[in-house]
């Protein structure tokens, strides 16, 4: 537009000078959304109610990005930092909960399921309580 002799508005010049910053914000915000989806997908269905308050806390941290922040806001950097901290905190919590479920609960349940507590008779005759205790 400048080469054609058309006057460029001052606001457009300012935006052009900040192009790289806006692209960085866009990429950071896109990354935050993808990370949110990735972390939420790690939650096992059985733990959803357990982790619901933590997910709600993270969503409260994300809310200003959907409601109040604009491209000209001065606190986008602090918002991104705050959200990244929330994402990391939730991810660590989910990793710990999943680790407890997999390595402590499920492995112990597998071990318990392999233990034979009572050997039932092959013939279908019922047996008395004393016979059961003896077995």
C-alpha atoms as a PDB file:
ATOM      1  CA  UNK A   1       0.000   0.000   0.000  1.00  0.00           C
ATOM      2  CA  UNK A   2       2.908   2.332   0.788  1.00  0.00           C
ATOM      3  CA  UNK A   3       4.430   1.770  -2.672  1.00  0.00           C
ATOM      4  CA  UNK A   4       1.142   2.609  -4.342  1.00  0.00           C
ATOM      5  CA  UNK A   5       0.985   5.890  -2.472  1.00  0.00           C
ATOM      6  CA  UNK A   6      -1.932   4.834  -0.327  1.00  0.00           C
ATOM      7  CA  UNK A   7      -1.724   6.134   3.185  1.00  0.00           C
ATOM      8  CA  UNK A   8      -1.407   3.379   5.780  1.00  0.00           C
ATOM      9  CA  UNK A   9      -3.302   3.990   9.022  1.00  0.00           C
ATOM     10  CA  UNK A  10      -1.144   4.293  12.120  1.00  0.00           C
ATOM     11  CA  UNK A  11      -2.943   1.409  13.832  1.00  0.00           C
ATOM     12  CA  UNK A  12      -2.067  -0.871  10.900  1.00  0.00           C
ATOM     13  CA  UNK A  13       1.601   0.168  11.164  1.00  0.00           C
ATOM     14  CA  UNK A  14       1.628  -0.640  14.864  1.00  0.00           C
ATOM     15  CA  UNK A  15       0.098  -4.054  14.229  1.00  0.00           C
ATOM     16  CA  UNK A  16       2.626  -4.753  11.490  1.00  0.00           C
ATOM     17  CA  UNK A  17       5.472  -3.946  13.879  1.00  0.00           C
ATOM     18  CA  UNK A  18       4.001  -6.394  16.402  1.00  0.00           C
ATOM     19  CA  UNK A  19       3.353  -9.168  13.891  1.00  0.00           C
ATOM     20  CA  UNK A  20       5.968 -11.517  15.329  1.00  0.00           C
ATOM     21  CA  UNK A  21       4.677 -11.038  18.865  1.00  0.00           C
ATOM     22  CA  UNK A  22       1.107 -11.812  17.787  1.00  0.00           C
ATOM     23  CA  UNK A  23       2.217 -14.938  15.929  1.00  0.00           C
ATOM     24  CA  UNK A  24       4.104 -16.080  19.027  1.00  0.00           C
ATOM     25  CA  UNK A  25       1.014 -15.524  21.183  1.00  0.00           C
ATOM     26  CA  UNK A  26      -1.105 -17.432  18.703  1.00  0.00           C
ATOM     27  CA  UNK A  27       1.302 -20.381  18.679  1.00  0.00           C
ATOM     28  CA  UNK A  28       1.567 -20.361  22.482  1.00  0.00           C
ATOM     29  CA  UNK A  29      -2.212 -20.314  22.898  1.00  0.00           C
ATOM     30  CA  UNK A  30      -2.634 -23.100  20.356  1.00  0.00           C
ATOM     31  CA  UNK A  31       0.004 -25.121  22.214  1.00  0.00           C
ATOM     32  CA  UNK A  32      -1.827 -24.549  25.517  1.00  0.00           C
ATOM     33  CA  UNK A  33      -5.083 -25.876  24.040  1.00  0.00           C
ATOM     34  CA  UNK A  34      -3.371 -28.965  22.601  1.00  0.00           C
ATOM     35  CA  UNK A  35      -1.625 -29.618  25.911  1.00  0.00           C
ATOM     36  CA  UNK A  36      -4.928 -29.264  27.748  1.00  0.00           C
ATOM     37  CA  UNK A  37      -6.554 -31.836  25.460  1.00  0.00           C
ATOM     38  CA  UNK A  38      -3.557 -34.187  25.769  1.00  0.00           C
ATOM     39  CA  UNK A  39      -3.487 -33.984  29.558  1.00  0.00           C
ATOM     40  CA  UNK A  40      -7.261 -34.388  29.937  1.00  0.00           C
ATOM     41  CA  UNK A  41      -7.135 -37.467  27.698  1.00  0.00           C
ATOM     42  CA  UNK A  42      -4.734 -39.108  30.188  1.00  0.00           C
ATOM     43  CA  UNK A  43      -7.420 -39.170  32.881  1.00  0.00           C
ATOM     44  CA  UNK A  44      -8.812 -42.658  33.348  1.00  0.00           C
ATOM     45  CA  UNK A  45     -12.618 -42.821  33.449  1.00  0.00           C
ATOM     46  CA  UNK A  46     -12.568 -44.210  36.978  1.00  0.00           C
ATOM     47  CA  UNK A  47     -10.660 -41.119  38.204  1.00  0.00           C
ATOM     48  CA  UNK A  48     -12.739 -38.416  36.519  1.00  0.00           C
ATOM     49  CA  UNK A  49     -14.744 -37.561  39.627  1.00  0.00           C
ATOM     50  CA  UNK A  50     -11.627 -37.688  41.798  1.00  0.00           C
ATOM     51  CA  UNK A  51      -9.793 -35.226  39.551  1.00  0.00           C
ATOM     52  CA  UNK A  52     -12.810 -33.055  38.714  1.00  0.00           C
ATOM     53  CA  UNK A  53     -11.900 -30.265  41.183  1.00  0.00           C
ATOM     54  CA  UNK A  54      -8.387 -30.074  39.743  1.00  0.00           C
ATOM     55  CA  UNK A  55      -9.700 -29.945  36.177  1.00  0.00           C
ATOM     56  CA  UNK A  56     -12.136 -27.185  37.194  1.00  0.00           C
ATOM     57  CA  UNK A  57      -9.242 -25.257  38.755  1.00  0.00           C
ATOM     58  CA  UNK A  58      -7.321 -25.475  35.479  1.00  0.00           C
ATOM     59  CA  UNK A  59     -10.395 -24.395  33.516  1.00  0.00           C
ATOM     60  CA  UNK A  60     -10.680 -21.343  35.784  1.00  0.00           C
ATOM     61  CA  UNK A  61      -7.077 -20.529  34.892  1.00  0.00           C
ATOM     62  CA  UNK A  62      -7.920 -20.889  31.187  1.00  0.00           C
ATOM     63  CA  UNK A  63     -11.118 -18.794  31.380  1.00  0.00           C
ATOM     64  CA  UNK A  64      -9.495 -15.320  31.059  1.00  0.00           C
ATOM     65  CA  UNK A  65      -8.072 -16.401  27.705  1.00  0.00           C
ATOM     66  CA  UNK A  66     -11.573 -17.104  26.479  1.00  0.00           C
ATOM     67  CA  UNK A  67     -13.339 -14.146  28.057  1.00  0.00           C
ATOM     68  CA  UNK A  68     -11.224 -11.109  28.899  1.00  0.00           C
ATOM     69  CA  UNK A  69      -7.866 -11.260  27.121  1.00  0.00           C
ATOM     70  CA  UNK A  70      -7.416  -9.599  23.747  1.00  0.00           C
ATOM     71  CA  UNK A  71      -4.406  -9.278  21.467  1.00  0.00           C
ATOM     72  CA  UNK A  72      -3.668  -5.893  22.961  1.00  0.00           C
ATOM     73  CA  UNK A  73      -3.789  -7.071  26.590  1.00  0.00           C
ATOM     74  CA  UNK A  74      -0.637  -6.354  28.555  1.00  0.00           C
ATOM     75  CA  UNK A  75      -0.765  -9.490  30.691  1.00  0.00           C
ATOM     76  CA  UNK A  76      -0.756 -12.252  28.068  1.00  0.00           C
ATOM     77  CA  UNK A  77       2.721 -13.383  29.111  1.00  0.00           C
ATOM     78  CA  UNK A  78       1.743 -13.746  32.768  1.00  0.00           C
ATOM     79  CA  UNK A  79      -1.481 -15.496  31.722  1.00  0.00           C
ATOM     80  CA  UNK A  80       0.485 -18.019  29.645  1.00  0.00           C
ATOM     81  CA  UNK A  81       2.935 -18.587  32.495  1.00  0.00           C
ATOM     82  CA  UNK A  82       0.068 -19.127  34.952  1.00  0.00           C
ATOM     83  CA  UNK A  83      -1.670 -21.581  32.590  1.00  0.00           C
ATOM     84  CA  UNK A  84       1.556 -23.521  31.925  1.00  0.00           C
ATOM     85  CA  UNK A  85       2.053 -23.922  35.675  1.00  0.00           C
ATOM     86  CA  UNK A  86      -1.512 -25.204  36.026  1.00  0.00           C
ATOM     87  CA  UNK A  87      -1.055 -27.642  33.145  1.00  0.00           C
ATOM     88  CA  UNK A  88       2.193 -28.989  34.623  1.00  0.00           C
ATOM     89  CA  UNK A  89       0.624 -29.353  38.066  1.00  0.00           C
ATOM     90  CA  UNK A  90      -2.391 -31.245  36.715  1.00  0.00           C
ATOM     91  CA  UNK A  91      -0.240 -33.454  34.497  1.00  0.00           C
ATOM     92  CA  UNK A  92       1.974 -34.453  37.431  1.00  0.00           C
ATOM     93  CA  UNK A  93      -1.093 -35.225  39.514  1.00  0.00           C
ATOM     94  CA  UNK A  94      -2.583 -37.385  36.746  1.00  0.00           C
ATOM     95  CA  UNK A  95       0.723 -39.212  36.268  1.00  0.00           C
ATOM     96  CA  UNK A  96       0.920 -39.934  39.996  1.00  0.00           C
ATOM     97  CA  UNK A  97      -2.696 -41.117  40.198  1.00  0.00           C
ATOM     98  CA  UNK A  98      -2.292 -43.337  37.122  1.00  0.00           C
ATOM     99  CA  UNK A  99       0.938 -44.744  38.554  1.00  0.00           C
ATOM    100  CA  UNK A 100      -0.784 -45.602  41.831  1.00  0.00           C
ATOM    101  CA  UNK A 101      -3.680 -47.251  40.018  1.00  0.00           C
ATOM    102  CA  UNK A 102      -1.487 -49.265  37.651  1.00  0.00           C
ATOM    103  CA  UNK A 103       1.409 -50.244  39.891  1.00  0.00           C
ATOM    104  CA  UNK A 104      -0.240 -50.590  43.254  1.00  0.00           C
ATOM    105  CA  UNK A 105      -3.905 -51.357  42.821  1.00  0.00           C
ATOM    106  CA  UNK A 106      -4.102 -53.250  39.513  1.00  0.00           C
ATOM    107  CA  UNK A 107      -0.926 -55.271  40.065  1.00  0.00           C
ATOM    108  CA  UNK A 108      -2.082 -56.284  43.552  1.00  0.00           C
ATOM    109  CA  UNK A 109      -5.506 -57.215  42.201  1.00  0.00           C
ATOM    110  CA  UNK A 110      -3.836 -59.405  39.563  1.00  0.00           C
ATOM    111  CA  UNK A 111      -1.727 -61.092  42.226  1.00  0.00           C
ATOM    112  CA  UNK A 112      -4.760 -61.667  44.444  1.00  0.00           C
ATOM    113  CA  UNK A 113      -6.743 -63.065  41.529  1.00  0.00           C
ATOM    114  CA  UNK A 114      -4.015 -65.674  40.921  1.00  0.00           C
ATOM    115  CA  UNK A 115      -4.166 -66.997  44.480  1.00  0.00           C
ATOM    116  CA  UNK A 116      -6.398 -70.019  44.893  1.00  0.00           C
ATOM    117  CA  UNK A 117      -8.206 -69.680  48.194  1.00  0.00           C
ATOM    118  CA  UNK A 118     -10.377 -72.767  47.960  1.00  0.00           C
ATOM    119  CA  UNK A 119     -10.185 -75.719  45.661  1.00  0.00           C
ATOM    120  CA  UNK A 120     -13.706 -76.668  44.780  1.00  0.00           C
ATOM    121  CA  UNK A 121     -14.476 -80.352  44.306  1.00  0.00           C
ATOM    122  CA  UNK A 122     -14.644 -81.702  40.807  1.00  0.00           C
ATOM    123  CA  UNK A 123     -17.702 -83.769  41.564  1.00  0.00           C
ATOM    124  CA  UNK A 124     -20.735 -81.643  42.141  1.00  0.00           C
ATOM    125  CA  UNK A 125     -21.478 -83.050  45.608  1.00  0.00           C
ATOM    126  CA  UNK A 126     -21.913 -80.426  48.289  1.00  0.00           C
ATOM    127  CA  UNK A 127     -19.740 -80.672  51.367  1.00  0.00           C
ATOM    128  CA  UNK A 128     -20.153 -79.657  54.975  1.00  0.00           C
ATOM    129  CA  UNK A 129     -18.666 -76.689  56.767  1.00  0.00           C
ATOM    130  CA  UNK A 130     -16.096 -78.874  58.491  1.00  0.00           C
ATOM    131  CA  UNK A 131     -14.994 -80.312  55.158  1.00  0.00           C
ATOM    132  CA  UNK A 132     -14.719 -76.783  53.750  1.00  0.00           C
ATOM    133  CA  UNK A 133     -12.559 -75.667  56.698  1.00  0.00           C
ATOM    134  CA  UNK A 134     -10.343 -78.729  56.303  1.00  0.00           C
ATOM    135  CA  UNK A 135      -9.722 -77.976  52.652  1.00  0.00           C
END
